[in-house]
Amino acid sequence: MLLNTGLVVVQLVVGFGFGSLALIGDALHNVGDVLGLALGWAAERLALRPASRRFTYGYRRSTQFASLANGALVLAAGGVVVVEGVQRLGRPAAIQPEPVAWAALAGLVINLASARLFGHGHQHDLNRRAAVLHLLTDAAVSAAVLLSALLIQLTGWSRLDALAAIGVGLAVLWSGWGLLLESGALLLDAVPRGVDLAAIEAALLSLEGVERVHHLHVWSMSTSAVALTAHLQRDPARLADRELLRQARHRLQQLGVGHTTLQLETDEEDPGGEQC
């Protein structure tokens, strides 16, 4: 995070000093990265706190709020860069491409290194994936700024800086919008991405003695922990309840569900009316 903070300062100084809007946009997005990394780190620390009598699930959902905030930061940064890029097209400014290229190269290296350090095991954690997305999109921004600076050095066409800024801003807007949608879906208890509800139902139905699965709900307790509740209608003569529950939890863990609550019923019991 200290490296990214230092990078913001360098890019702002070079961007304003040598007239590169694309580099200033890169710096603004880096500000979002620093805030996003801080939010992600704070949320992960908060999620480790034990549950209380009021917050009986603990504070795991704080990571979901952090990923939502990260998405909003990405969107805001992308919007600023696009608007400024469009305005710069109408009034191009002289740019000194050589220092801009060096600053962009530094941004590319630092963001890729930070993404590698922070992103270990991020595939199953939306909060970490949000932070890594920040860093990778910023690396792409730096690469685009670097390319535009080199082309300006060769051609002398300063509008390339504004065009690069617009392209980068649109890419950032797209990534931020996707992150907002996914974070919002998790906050509404949608089935997490990567969890196959049909495969879960099939796995439960394949257990010995299970005849029907209903009231099946799967949601995310945090950006990395998945929970499930379900009613299993079974034939008690086929398999002991304790063994059935053990096999069910084992199957569900293989499918990425770590927190399960299962209610066993016989075909003579009323399943409870409509599914909730």
C-alpha atoms as a PDB file:
ATOM      1  CA  MET A   1       0.000   0.000   0.000  1.00  0.00           C
ATOM      2  CA  LEU A   2       2.933   2.341   0.703  1.00  0.00           C
ATOM      3  CA  LEU A   3       4.281   1.678  -2.795  1.00  0.00           C
ATOM      4  CA  ASN A   4       0.913   2.557  -4.334  1.00  0.00           C
ATOM      5  CA  THR A   5       0.670   5.736  -2.253  1.00  0.00           C
ATOM      6  CA  GLY A   6       4.131   6.825  -3.387  1.00  0.00           C
ATOM      7  CA  LEU A   7       3.157   6.021  -6.972  1.00  0.00           C
ATOM      8  CA  VAL A   8       0.120   8.324  -6.731  1.00  0.00           C
ATOM      9  CA  VAL A   9       2.317  11.226  -5.656  1.00  0.00           C
ATOM     10  CA  VAL A  10       4.850  10.637  -8.455  1.00  0.00           C
ATOM     11  CA  GLN A  11       2.178  10.284 -11.143  1.00  0.00           C
ATOM     12  CA  LEU A  12       0.298  13.404 -10.049  1.00  0.00           C
ATOM     13  CA  VAL A  13       3.504  15.455 -10.036  1.00  0.00           C
ATOM     14  CA  VAL A  14       4.579  14.187 -13.468  1.00  0.00           C
ATOM     15  CA  GLY A  15       1.049  14.350 -14.915  1.00  0.00           C
ATOM     16  CA  PHE A  16       0.417  17.962 -13.932  1.00  0.00           C
ATOM     17  CA  GLY A  17       4.012  18.974 -14.557  1.00  0.00           C
ATOM     18  CA  PHE A  18       4.208  17.567 -18.089  1.00  0.00           C
ATOM     19  CA  GLY A  19       0.567  17.883 -19.176  1.00  0.00           C
ATOM     20  CA  SER A  20      -0.610  14.245 -19.407  1.00  0.00           C
ATOM     21  CA  LEU A  21      -4.319  13.781 -18.629  1.00  0.00           C
ATOM     22  CA  ALA A  22      -3.987  10.024 -19.108  1.00  0.00           C
ATOM     23  CA  LEU A  23      -1.320   9.888 -16.404  1.00  0.00           C
ATOM     24  CA  ILE A  24      -3.425  12.057 -14.071  1.00  0.00           C
ATOM     25  CA  GLY A  25      -6.315   9.648 -14.664  1.00  0.00           C
ATOM     26  CA  ASP A  26      -3.996   6.770 -13.825  1.00  0.00           C
ATOM     27  CA  ALA A  27      -3.072   8.552 -10.578  1.00  0.00           C
ATOM     28  CA  LEU A  28      -6.737   9.128  -9.691  1.00  0.00           C
ATOM     29  CA  HIS A  29      -7.446   5.469 -10.214  1.00  0.00           C
ATOM     30  CA  ASN A  30      -4.441   4.646  -8.042  1.00  0.00           C
ATOM     31  CA  VAL A  31      -6.026   6.752  -5.288  1.00  0.00           C
ATOM     32  CA  GLY A  32      -9.021   4.414  -5.580  1.00  0.00           C
ATOM     33  CA  ASP A  33      -6.626   1.459  -5.342  1.00  0.00           C
ATOM     34  CA  VAL A  34      -5.073   2.735  -2.130  1.00  0.00           C
ATOM     35  CA  LEU A  35      -8.498   3.344  -0.581  1.00  0.00           C
ATOM     36  CA  GLY A  36      -9.721  -0.014  -1.880  1.00  0.00           C
ATOM     37  CA  LEU A  37      -6.752  -1.883  -0.413  1.00  0.00           C
ATOM     38  CA  ALA A  38      -7.277  -0.112   2.913  1.00  0.00           C
ATOM     39  CA  LEU A  39     -10.985  -0.985   2.893  1.00  0.00           C
ATOM     40  CA  GLY A  40     -10.268  -4.593   1.966  1.00  0.00           C
ATOM     41  CA  TRP A  41      -7.654  -4.984   4.689  1.00  0.00           C
ATOM     42  CA  ALA A  42      -9.905  -3.388   7.331  1.00  0.00           C
ATOM     43  CA  ALA A  43     -12.871  -5.557   6.298  1.00  0.00           C
ATOM     44  CA  GLU A  44     -10.813  -8.757   6.521  1.00  0.00           C
ATOM     45  CA  ARG A  45      -9.643  -7.803  10.026  1.00  0.00           C
ATOM     46  CA  LEU A  46     -13.218  -6.999  11.080  1.00  0.00           C
ATOM     47  CA  ALA A  47     -14.487 -10.292   9.646  1.00  0.00           C
ATOM     48  CA  LEU A  48     -12.160 -12.186  12.010  1.00  0.00           C
ATOM     49  CA  ARG A  49     -13.902 -10.799  15.092  1.00  0.00           C
ATOM     50  CA  PRO A  50     -16.025 -13.397  16.902  1.00  0.00           C
ATOM     51  CA  ALA A  51     -19.818 -13.374  16.799  1.00  0.00           C
ATOM     52  CA  SER A  52     -21.720 -11.575  19.544  1.00  0.00           C
ATOM     53  CA  ARG A  53     -25.217 -11.823  20.990  1.00  0.00           C
ATOM     54  CA  ARG A  54     -26.323  -9.064  18.600  1.00  0.00           C
ATOM     55  CA  PHE A  55     -24.261 -10.021  15.535  1.00  0.00           C
ATOM     56  CA  THR A  56     -24.780 -13.765  15.743  1.00  0.00           C
ATOM     57  CA  TYR A  57     -23.144 -14.414  12.361  1.00  0.00           C
ATOM     58  CA  GLY A  58     -20.177 -12.250  13.284  1.00  0.00           C
ATOM     59  CA  TYR A  59     -18.905  -9.467  11.027  1.00  0.00           C
ATOM     60  CA  ARG A  60     -18.223 -11.475   7.890  1.00  0.00           C
ATOM     61  CA  ARG A  61     -20.477  -9.359   5.692  1.00  0.00           C
ATOM     62  CA  SER A  62     -18.177  -6.393   6.187  1.00  0.00           C
ATOM     63  CA  THR A  63     -16.098  -7.822   3.330  1.00  0.00           C
ATOM     64  CA  GLN A  64     -19.158  -7.588   1.056  1.00  0.00           C
ATOM     65  CA  PHE A  65     -19.636  -3.927   1.929  1.00  0.00           C
ATOM     66  CA  ALA A  66     -15.941  -3.349   1.216  1.00  0.00           C
ATOM     67  CA  SER A  67     -16.235  -4.885  -2.259  1.00  0.00           C
ATOM     68  CA  LEU A  68     -19.320  -2.732  -2.924  1.00  0.00           C
ATOM     69  CA  ALA A  69     -17.393   0.393  -1.896  1.00  0.00           C
ATOM     70  CA  ASN A  70     -14.489  -0.666  -4.117  1.00  0.00           C
ATOM     71  CA  GLY A  71     -16.844  -0.956  -7.078  1.00  0.00           C
ATOM     72  CA  ALA A  72     -18.202   2.533  -6.433  1.00  0.00           C
ATOM     73  CA  LEU A  73     -14.659   3.936  -6.271  1.00  0.00           C
ATOM     74  CA  VAL A  74     -13.760   2.300  -9.591  1.00  0.00           C
ATOM     75  CA  LEU A  75     -16.885   3.749 -11.222  1.00  0.00           C
ATOM     76  CA  ALA A  76     -16.179   7.239  -9.911  1.00  0.00           C
ATOM     77  CA  ALA A  77     -12.565   7.175 -11.085  1.00  0.00           C
ATOM     78  CA  GLY A  78     -13.564   5.934 -14.553  1.00  0.00           C
ATOM     79  CA  GLY A  79     -16.217   8.645 -14.925  1.00  0.00           C
ATOM     80  CA  VAL A  80     -13.783  11.432 -14.031  1.00  0.00           C
ATOM     81  CA  VAL A  81     -11.211  10.220 -16.558  1.00  0.00           C
ATOM     82  CA  VAL A  82     -13.750   9.881 -19.408  1.00  0.00           C
ATOM     83  CA  VAL A  83     -15.213  13.359 -18.855  1.00  0.00           C
ATOM     84  CA  GLU A  84     -11.793  14.977 -18.673  1.00  0.00           C
ATOM     85  CA  GLY A  85     -10.620  13.062 -21.753  1.00  0.00           C
ATOM     86  CA  VAL A  86     -13.579  14.278 -23.840  1.00  0.00           C
ATOM     87  CA  GLN A  87     -12.921  17.857 -22.752  1.00  0.00           C
ATOM     88  CA  ARG A  88      -9.207  17.532 -23.575  1.00  0.00           C
ATOM     89  CA  LEU A  89      -9.997  16.417 -27.150  1.00  0.00           C
ATOM     90  CA  GLY A  90     -11.402  19.875 -27.860  1.00  0.00           C
ATOM     91  CA  ARG A  91      -8.399  21.677 -26.391  1.00  0.00           C
ATOM     92  CA  PRO A  92      -5.295  19.479 -26.747  1.00  0.00           C
ATOM     93  CA  ALA A  93      -2.312  20.464 -24.636  1.00  0.00           C
ATOM     94  CA  ALA A  94       1.394  20.046 -25.255  1.00  0.00           C
ATOM     95  CA  ILE A  95       2.813  16.921 -23.602  1.00  0.00           C
ATOM     96  CA  GLN A  96       6.367  15.879 -22.783  1.00  0.00           C
ATOM     97  CA  PRO A  97       6.106  12.135 -23.389  1.00  0.00           C
ATOM     98  CA  GLU A  98       9.422  10.884 -21.992  1.00  0.00           C
ATOM     99  CA  PRO A  99       8.809  11.517 -18.236  1.00  0.00           C
ATOM    100  CA  VAL A 100       5.192  10.424 -18.697  1.00  0.00           C
ATOM    101  CA  ALA A 101       6.379   7.112 -20.165  1.00  0.00           C
ATOM    102  CA  TRP A 102       8.737   6.482 -17.226  1.00  0.00           C
ATOM    103  CA  ALA A 103       6.011   7.251 -14.681  1.00  0.00           C
ATOM    104  CA  ALA A 104       3.576   4.967 -16.525  1.00  0.00           C
ATOM    105  CA  LEU A 105       6.164   2.171 -16.602  1.00  0.00           C
ATOM    106  CA  ALA A 106       6.631   2.526 -12.833  1.00  0.00           C
ATOM    107  CA  GLY A 107       2.851   2.296 -12.395  1.00  0.00           C
ATOM    108  CA  LEU A 108       2.671  -0.845 -14.509  1.00  0.00           C
ATOM    109  CA  VAL A 109       5.393  -2.620 -12.518  1.00  0.00           C
ATOM    110  CA  ILE A 110       4.143  -1.581  -9.059  1.00  0.00           C
ATOM    111  CA  ASN A 111       0.498  -2.475  -9.744  1.00  0.00           C
ATOM    112  CA  LEU A 112       1.362  -5.898 -11.151  1.00  0.00           C
ATOM    113  CA  ALA A 113       3.618  -6.590  -8.164  1.00  0.00           C
ATOM    114  CA  SER A 114       0.916  -5.470  -5.713  1.00  0.00           C
ATOM    115  CA  ALA A 115      -1.719  -7.605  -7.448  1.00  0.00           C
ATOM    116  CA  ARG A 116       0.528 -10.638  -7.130  1.00  0.00           C
ATOM    117  CA  LEU A 117       1.188  -9.999  -3.431  1.00  0.00           C
ATOM    118  CA  PHE A 118      -2.433  -9.258  -2.473  1.00  0.00           C
ATOM    119  CA  GLY A 119      -4.137 -11.693  -4.818  1.00  0.00           C
ATOM    120  CA  HIS A 120      -2.906 -15.027  -3.508  1.00  0.00           C
ATOM    121  CA  GLY A 121      -6.015 -17.212  -3.196  1.00  0.00           C
ATOM    122  CA  HIS A 122      -8.347 -14.390  -4.344  1.00  0.00           C
ATOM    123  CA  GLN A 123     -10.458 -16.517  -6.701  1.00  0.00           C
ATOM    124  CA  HIS A 124     -12.901 -17.550  -3.938  1.00  0.00           C
ATOM    125  CA  ASP A 125     -13.029 -14.215  -2.086  1.00  0.00           C
ATOM    126  CA  LEU A 126     -14.925 -11.335  -3.678  1.00  0.00           C
ATOM    127  CA  ASN A 127     -13.298  -8.787  -1.389  1.00  0.00           C
ATOM    128  CA  ARG A 128      -9.802  -9.847  -2.432  1.00  0.00           C
ATOM    129  CA  ARG A 129     -10.914 -10.188  -6.037  1.00  0.00           C
ATOM    130  CA  ALA A 130     -12.227  -6.603  -5.872  1.00  0.00           C
ATOM    131  CA  ALA A 131      -8.850  -5.350  -4.659  1.00  0.00           C
ATOM    132  CA  VAL A 132      -6.968  -7.376  -7.272  1.00  0.00           C
ATOM    133  CA  LEU A 133      -9.337  -6.063  -9.962  1.00  0.00           C
ATOM    134  CA  HIS A 134      -8.435  -2.543  -8.866  1.00  0.00           C
ATOM    135  CA  LEU A 135      -4.740  -3.305  -9.249  1.00  0.00           C
ATOM    136  CA  LEU A 136      -4.999  -5.137 -12.571  1.00  0.00           C
ATOM    137  CA  THR A 137      -7.164  -2.460 -14.169  1.00  0.00           C
ATOM    138  CA  ASP A 138      -4.681   0.136 -12.983  1.00  0.00           C
ATOM    139  CA  ALA A 139      -1.863  -1.896 -14.532  1.00  0.00           C
ATOM    140  CA  ALA A 140      -3.845  -1.855 -17.798  1.00  0.00           C
ATOM    141  CA  VAL A 141      -4.264   1.919 -17.409  1.00  0.00           C
ATOM    142  CA  SER A 142      -0.515   2.335 -16.957  1.00  0.00           C
ATOM    143  CA  ALA A 143       0.174   0.161 -20.014  1.00  0.00           C
ATOM    144  CA  ALA A 144      -2.196   2.284 -22.128  1.00  0.00           C
ATOM    145  CA  VAL A 145      -0.583   5.499 -20.874  1.00  0.00           C
ATOM    146  CA  LEU A 146       2.858   4.089 -21.619  1.00  0.00           C
ATOM    147  CA  LEU A 147       1.824   3.133 -25.157  1.00  0.00           C
ATOM    148  CA  SER A 148       0.236   6.518 -25.839  1.00  0.00           C
ATOM    149  CA  ALA A 149       3.343   8.333 -24.543  1.00  0.00           C
ATOM    150  CA  LEU A 150       5.581   6.304 -26.848  1.00  0.00           C
ATOM    151  CA  LEU A 151       3.284   6.975 -29.829  1.00  0.00           C
ATOM    152  CA  ILE A 152       3.205  10.698 -29.026  1.00  0.00           C
ATOM    153  CA  GLN A 153       7.019  10.639 -28.933  1.00  0.00           C
ATOM    154  CA  LEU A 154       7.031   9.098 -32.410  1.00  0.00           C
ATOM    155  CA  THR A 155       4.191  11.050 -34.055  1.00  0.00           C
ATOM    156  CA  GLY A 156       3.875  14.275 -32.070  1.00  0.00           C
ATOM    157  CA  TRP A 157       0.050  13.918 -32.040  1.00  0.00           C
ATOM    158  CA  SER A 158      -0.909  15.059 -28.529  1.00  0.00           C
ATOM    159  CA  ARG A 159      -4.600  14.056 -28.862  1.00  0.00           C
ATOM    160  CA  LEU A 160      -3.476  10.459 -28.379  1.00  0.00           C
ATOM    161  CA  ASP A 161      -3.202  11.236 -24.670  1.00  0.00           C
ATOM    162  CA  ALA A 162      -6.882  12.224 -24.477  1.00  0.00           C
ATOM    163  CA  LEU A 163      -7.960   9.223 -26.556  1.00  0.00           C
ATOM    164  CA  ALA A 164      -5.966   6.889 -24.294  1.00  0.00           C
ATOM    165  CA  ALA A 165      -7.593   8.486 -21.244  1.00  0.00           C
ATOM    166  CA  ILE A 166     -11.090   7.957 -22.672  1.00  0.00           C
ATOM    167  CA  GLY A 167     -10.395   4.329 -23.565  1.00  0.00           C
ATOM    168  CA  VAL A 168      -8.936   3.597 -20.181  1.00  0.00           C
ATOM    169  CA  GLY A 169     -11.819   5.343 -18.415  1.00  0.00           C
ATOM    170  CA  LEU A 170     -14.393   3.275 -20.300  1.00  0.00           C
ATOM    171  CA  ALA A 171     -12.581   0.058 -19.391  1.00  0.00           C
ATOM    172  CA  VAL A 172     -12.508   1.110 -15.751  1.00  0.00           C
ATOM    173  CA  LEU A 173     -16.235   1.947 -15.809  1.00  0.00           C
ATOM    174  CA  TRP A 174     -17.025  -1.498 -17.209  1.00  0.00           C
ATOM    175  CA  SER A 175     -15.027  -3.329 -14.543  1.00  0.00           C
ATOM    176  CA  GLY A 176     -16.486  -1.198 -11.752  1.00  0.00           C
ATOM    177  CA  TRP A 177     -20.052  -1.784 -12.934  1.00  0.00           C
ATOM    178  CA  GLY A 178     -19.539  -5.546 -12.963  1.00  0.00           C
ATOM    179  CA  LEU A 179     -18.117  -5.445  -9.469  1.00  0.00           C
ATOM    180  CA  LEU A 180     -21.046  -3.355  -8.196  1.00  0.00           C
ATOM    181  CA  LEU A 181     -23.570  -5.794  -9.681  1.00  0.00           C
ATOM    182  CA  GLU A 182     -21.896  -8.827  -8.132  1.00  0.00           C
ATOM    183  CA  SER A 183     -21.462  -7.175  -4.728  1.00  0.00           C
ATOM    184  CA  GLY A 184     -25.083  -6.013  -4.714  1.00  0.00           C
ATOM    185  CA  ALA A 185     -26.286  -9.496  -5.624  1.00  0.00           C
ATOM    186  CA  LEU A 186     -24.414 -11.009  -2.673  1.00  0.00           C
ATOM    187  CA  LEU A 187     -25.898  -8.433  -0.310  1.00  0.00           C
ATOM    188  CA  LEU A 188     -29.332  -9.550  -1.559  1.00  0.00           C
ATOM    189  CA  ASP A 189     -28.407 -13.159  -0.670  1.00  0.00           C
ATOM    190  CA  ALA A 190     -28.073 -14.332  -4.269  1.00  0.00           C
ATOM    191  CA  VAL A 191     -26.412 -17.698  -4.894  1.00  0.00           C
ATOM    192  CA  PRO A 192     -22.683 -16.858  -5.015  1.00  0.00           C
ATOM    193  CA  ARG A 193     -20.868 -16.982  -8.331  1.00  0.00           C
ATOM    194  CA  GLY A 194     -19.172 -20.344  -8.790  1.00  0.00           C
ATOM    195  CA  VAL A 195     -21.769 -22.230  -6.726  1.00  0.00           C
ATOM    196  CA  ASP A 196     -23.929 -24.578  -8.828  1.00  0.00           C
ATOM    197  CA  LEU A 197     -27.359 -24.829  -7.206  1.00  0.00           C
ATOM    198  CA  ALA A 198     -28.437 -27.671  -9.504  1.00  0.00           C
ATOM    199  CA  ALA A 199     -25.310 -29.652  -8.624  1.00  0.00           C
ATOM    200  CA  ILE A 200     -25.994 -29.135  -4.909  1.00  0.00           C
ATOM    201  CA  GLU A 201     -29.569 -30.383  -5.247  1.00  0.00           C
ATOM    202  CA  ALA A 202     -28.418 -33.369  -7.296  1.00  0.00           C
ATOM    203  CA  ALA A 203     -25.754 -34.230  -4.704  1.00  0.00           C
ATOM    204  CA  LEU A 204     -28.313 -34.185  -1.896  1.00  0.00           C
ATOM    205  CA  LEU A 205     -30.796 -36.280  -3.892  1.00  0.00           C
ATOM    206  CA  SER A 206     -28.072 -38.845  -4.611  1.00  0.00           C
ATOM    207  CA  LEU A 207     -27.674 -39.619  -0.900  1.00  0.00           C
ATOM    208  CA  GLU A 208     -29.049 -42.966   0.207  1.00  0.00           C
ATOM    209  CA  GLY A 209     -32.640 -42.712   1.363  1.00  0.00           C
ATOM    210  CA  VAL A 210     -33.202 -39.075   0.302  1.00  0.00           C
ATOM    211  CA  GLU A 211     -36.399 -38.810  -1.742  1.00  0.00           C
ATOM    212  CA  ARG A 212     -36.943 -35.060  -1.975  1.00  0.00           C
ATOM    213  CA  VAL A 213     -35.122 -31.790  -1.333  1.00  0.00           C
ATOM    214  CA  HIS A 214     -37.072 -28.598  -0.632  1.00  0.00           C
ATOM    215  CA  HIS A 215     -36.698 -25.209   1.060  1.00  0.00           C
ATOM    216  CA  LEU A 216     -33.175 -25.132  -0.385  1.00  0.00           C
ATOM    217  CA  HIS A 217     -31.407 -21.799   0.169  1.00  0.00           C
ATOM    218  CA  VAL A 218     -27.772 -20.935  -0.587  1.00  0.00           C
ATOM    219  CA  TRP A 219     -26.225 -17.578   0.174  1.00  0.00           C
ATOM    220  CA  SER A 220     -22.930 -15.921   1.042  1.00  0.00           C
ATOM    221  CA  MET A 221     -22.098 -15.132   4.669  1.00  0.00           C
ATOM    222  CA  SER A 222     -19.056 -13.164   3.512  1.00  0.00           C
ATOM    223  CA  THR A 223     -17.099 -12.802   0.284  1.00  0.00           C
ATOM    224  CA  SER A 224     -15.548 -16.230   0.889  1.00  0.00           C
ATOM    225  CA  ALA A 225     -17.942 -18.227   3.140  1.00  0.00           C
ATOM    226  CA  VAL A 226     -21.042 -19.946   1.697  1.00  0.00           C
ATOM    227  CA  ALA A 227     -24.006 -21.115   3.791  1.00  0.00           C
ATOM    228  CA  LEU A 228     -26.919 -23.473   3.038  1.00  0.00           C
ATOM    229  CA  THR A 229     -30.199 -24.513   4.608  1.00  0.00           C
ATOM    230  CA  ALA A 230     -32.390 -27.314   3.260  1.00  0.00           C
ATOM    231  CA  HIS A 231     -35.081 -29.831   4.193  1.00  0.00           C
ATOM    232  CA  LEU A 232     -34.364 -33.444   3.231  1.00  0.00           C
ATOM    233  CA  GLN A 233     -37.320 -35.819   2.971  1.00  0.00           C
ATOM    234  CA  ARG A 234     -35.895 -39.296   3.482  1.00  0.00           C
ATOM    235  CA  ASP A 235     -36.706 -42.898   4.327  1.00  0.00           C
ATOM    236  CA  PRO A 236     -35.368 -43.386   7.898  1.00  0.00           C
ATOM    237  CA  ALA A 237     -35.105 -47.141   7.358  1.00  0.00           C
ATOM    238  CA  ARG A 238     -32.420 -46.745   4.680  1.00  0.00           C
ATOM    239  CA  LEU A 239     -29.658 -44.905   6.572  1.00  0.00           C
ATOM    240  CA  ALA A 240     -29.118 -43.649  10.124  1.00  0.00           C
ATOM    241  CA  ASP A 241     -29.703 -39.915  10.523  1.00  0.00           C
ATOM    242  CA  ARG A 242     -26.215 -39.187  11.863  1.00  0.00           C
ATOM    243  CA  GLU A 243     -24.556 -40.958   8.939  1.00  0.00           C
ATOM    244  CA  LEU A 244     -26.858 -39.242   6.442  1.00  0.00           C
ATOM    245  CA  LEU A 245     -25.955 -35.824   7.856  1.00  0.00           C
ATOM    246  CA  ARG A 246     -22.250 -36.675   7.817  1.00  0.00           C
ATOM    247  CA  GLN A 247     -22.372 -37.696   4.151  1.00  0.00           C
ATOM    248  CA  ALA A 248     -24.460 -34.645   3.215  1.00  0.00           C
ATOM    249  CA  ARG A 249     -22.034 -32.209   4.843  1.00  0.00           C
ATOM    250  CA  HIS A 250     -19.081 -33.949   3.205  1.00  0.00           C
ATOM    251  CA  ARG A 251     -20.680 -33.680  -0.248  1.00  0.00           C
ATOM    252  CA  LEU A 252     -21.571 -30.026   0.325  1.00  0.00           C
ATOM    253  CA  GLN A 253     -18.043 -29.153   1.434  1.00  0.00           C
ATOM    254  CA  GLN A 254     -16.766 -30.632  -1.826  1.00  0.00           C
ATOM    255  CA  LEU A 255     -19.109 -28.219  -3.643  1.00  0.00           C
ATOM    256  CA  GLY A 256     -17.827 -25.190  -1.739  1.00  0.00           C
ATOM    257  CA  VAL A 257     -20.481 -24.955   0.979  1.00  0.00           C
ATOM    258  CA  GLY A 258     -18.941 -24.857   4.451  1.00  0.00           C
ATOM    259  CA  HIS A 259     -21.837 -23.842   6.718  1.00  0.00           C
ATOM    260  CA  THR A 260     -24.907 -26.106   6.497  1.00  0.00           C
ATOM    261  CA  THR A 261     -28.194 -26.487   8.361  1.00  0.00           C
ATOM    262  CA  LEU A 262     -30.227 -29.543   7.340  1.00  0.00           C
ATOM    263  CA  GLN A 263     -33.654 -30.621   8.559  1.00  0.00           C
ATOM    264  CA  LEU A 264     -34.581 -34.277   8.111  1.00  0.00           C
ATOM    265  CA  GLU A 265     -38.214 -35.260   7.451  1.00  0.00           C
ATOM    266  CA  THR A 266     -40.140 -38.395   6.591  1.00  0.00           C
ATOM    267  CA  ASP A 267     -42.694 -38.611   3.796  1.00  0.00           C
ATOM    268  CA  GLU A 268     -45.420 -38.627   6.470  1.00  0.00           C
ATOM    269  CA  GLU A 269     -44.408 -35.208   7.787  1.00  0.00           C
ATOM    270  CA  ASP A 270     -45.840 -31.971   6.414  1.00  0.00           C
ATOM    271  CA  PRO A 271     -42.991 -30.182   4.612  1.00  0.00           C
ATOM    272  CA  GLY A 272     -44.336 -26.835   5.761  1.00  0.00           C
ATOM    273  CA  GLY A 273     -46.447 -25.595   2.888  1.00  0.00           C
ATOM    274  CA  GLU A 274     -44.997 -23.196   0.366  1.00  0.00           C
ATOM    275  CA  GLN A 275     -41.266 -22.960  -0.069  1.00  0.00           C
ATOM    276  CA  CYS A 276     -39.700 -20.001   1.685  1.00  0.00           C
END
